[in-house]
Amino acid sequence: MEDKLNWFAILLDKAIEFAKTAIELLKLRAIDKISEVIASIAARIAAVVLLFTGLMIGSIGVALWLGELLGKSWFGFFIVAGFYFLCGFIMFFLLKNKIKKSVNNLLIKKILE
């Protein structure tokens, strides 16, 4: 009888140890996925910041060039601003759902990899 109790205690200890190990493994996998998603997002943010900076510098150049052609520098800035307003309007109203869906799919894909 004592032998069976000892065997049961050993089995219970092993089960508890297995459960702790399984929980630790789940935590490590979650941390891995979270860090992967954050790294991916950080890389994309860095790329967007660099592209945005280049776009703004290029836009200032185009605005100054257009202003020189038209005789007043502020004409060029209004034309470039109007172009961006038109692009923003199109993106907001026509592509909003498509952009939202692609961002959601990207996040889900990164989490489930």
Protein backbone atom coordinates (compact mmCIF):
# COMPACT_ATOMS: atom_id res chain seq x y z
CA MET A 1 0.00 0.00 0.00
CA GLU A 2 2.80 2.37 0.91
CA ASP A 3 4.46 1.47 -2.37
CA LYS A 4 1.35 2.61 -4.29
CA LEU A 5 1.21 5.91 -2.38
CA ASN A 6 4.88 6.52 -3.08
CA TRP A 7 4.32 5.75 -6.77
CA PHE A 8 1.30 8.11 -6.83
CA ALA A 9 3.33 10.90 -5.18
CA ILE A 10 6.10 10.49 -7.73
CA LEU A 11 3.57 10.54 -10.56
CA LEU A 12 1.91 13.66 -9.12
CA ASP A 13 5.28 15.41 -8.79
CA LYS A 14 6.11 14.55 -12.41
CA ALA A 15 2.71 15.85 -13.58
CA ILE A 16 3.20 19.11 -11.68
CA GLU A 17 6.70 19.45 -13.12
CA PHE A 18 5.35 18.79 -16.63
CA ALA A 19 2.62 21.40 -16.18
CA LYS A 20 5.16 24.00 -15.00
CA THR A 21 7.40 23.23 -17.96
CA ALA A 22 4.46 23.46 -20.38
CA ILE A 23 3.43 26.84 -18.93
CA GLU A 24 7.01 28.09 -19.16
CA LEU A 25 7.18 26.95 -22.79
CA LEU A 26 3.93 28.80 -23.58
CA LYS A 27 5.31 31.94 -21.96
CA LEU A 28 8.52 31.72 -23.97
CA ARG A 29 6.61 31.17 -27.22
CA ALA A 30 4.37 34.16 -26.46
CA ILE A 31 7.40 36.32 -25.71
CA ASP A 32 9.00 35.19 -28.96
CA LYS A 33 5.91 36.08 -30.99
CA ILE A 34 5.45 39.43 -29.26
CA SER A 35 9.08 40.39 -29.78
CA GLU A 36 8.88 39.33 -33.42
CA VAL A 37 5.78 41.44 -34.01
CA ILE A 38 7.29 44.45 -32.22
CA ALA A 39 10.52 44.15 -34.20
CA SER A 40 8.60 43.93 -37.45
CA ILE A 41 6.49 46.95 -36.55
CA ALA A 42 9.57 48.92 -35.46
CA ALA A 43 11.33 48.16 -38.73
CA ARG A 44 8.30 49.27 -40.71
CA ILE A 45 7.97 52.45 -38.65
CA ALA A 46 11.64 53.27 -39.28
CA ALA A 47 11.17 52.73 -43.02
CA VAL A 48 8.04 54.90 -43.04
CA VAL A 49 9.83 57.69 -41.15
CA LEU A 50 12.69 57.64 -43.67
CA LEU A 51 10.30 57.60 -46.62
CA PHE A 52 8.24 60.39 -45.08
CA THR A 53 11.36 62.50 -44.54
CA GLY A 54 12.45 62.01 -48.13
CA LEU A 55 8.95 62.74 -49.37
CA MET A 56 8.75 65.98 -47.39
CA ILE A 57 12.16 67.20 -48.56
CA GLY A 58 11.22 66.32 -52.14
CA SER A 59 7.88 68.07 -51.73
CA ILE A 60 9.56 71.24 -50.53
CA GLY A 61 11.85 71.11 -53.55
CA VAL A 62 8.93 70.61 -55.94
CA ALA A 63 6.97 73.40 -54.24
CA LEU A 64 9.89 75.81 -54.55
CA TRP A 65 10.43 74.80 -58.18
CA LEU A 66 6.73 75.27 -59.04
CA GLY A 67 6.72 78.58 -57.19
CA GLU A 68 9.71 79.73 -59.22
CA LEU A 69 7.96 78.74 -62.45
CA LEU A 70 4.76 80.52 -61.43
CA GLY A 71 6.43 83.64 -60.07
CA LYS A 72 5.32 83.32 -56.43
CA SER A 73 6.74 80.65 -54.13
CA TRP A 74 3.52 80.21 -52.18
CA PHE A 75 1.72 79.07 -55.38
CA GLY A 76 3.98 76.04 -55.47
CA PHE A 77 3.29 75.21 -51.84
CA PHE A 78 -0.47 75.46 -52.37
CA ILE A 79 -0.28 73.20 -55.42
CA VAL A 80 1.76 70.57 -53.57
CA ALA A 81 -0.57 70.82 -50.53
CA GLY A 82 -3.59 70.38 -52.82
CA PHE A 83 -1.99 67.29 -54.35
CA TYR A 84 -1.47 65.78 -50.89
CA PHE A 85 -4.99 66.71 -49.84
CA LEU A 86 -6.35 64.96 -52.94
CA CYS A 87 -4.22 61.86 -52.25
CA GLY A 88 -5.32 61.82 -48.61
CA PHE A 89 -8.96 62.20 -49.59
CA ILE A 90 -8.70 59.28 -52.02
CA MET A 91 -6.91 57.09 -49.49
CA PHE A 92 -9.31 57.89 -46.68
CA PHE A 93 -12.56 57.38 -48.53
CA LEU A 94 -11.70 54.83 -51.19
CA LEU A 95 -8.89 52.73 -49.72
CA LYS A 96 -9.66 52.91 -45.97
CA ASN A 97 -11.10 49.40 -45.72
CA LYS A 98 -8.40 47.91 -47.93
CA ILE A 99 -5.61 49.46 -45.86
CA LYS A 100 -7.28 48.39 -42.61
CA LYS A 101 -7.70 44.84 -43.90
CA SER A 102 -4.08 44.58 -45.05
CA VAL A 103 -2.75 45.85 -41.70
CA ASN A 104 -4.97 43.39 -39.82
CA ASN A 105 -3.84 40.53 -42.05
CA LEU A 106 -0.19 41.48 -41.56
CA LEU A 107 -0.53 41.48 -37.77
CA ILE A 108 -2.42 38.18 -37.74
CA LYS A 109 0.15 36.61 -40.07
CA LYS A 110 3.04 37.75 -37.87
CA ILE A 111 1.35 36.48 -34.70
CA LEU A 112 0.47 33.08 -36.17
CA GLU A 113 3.84 32.41 -37.82
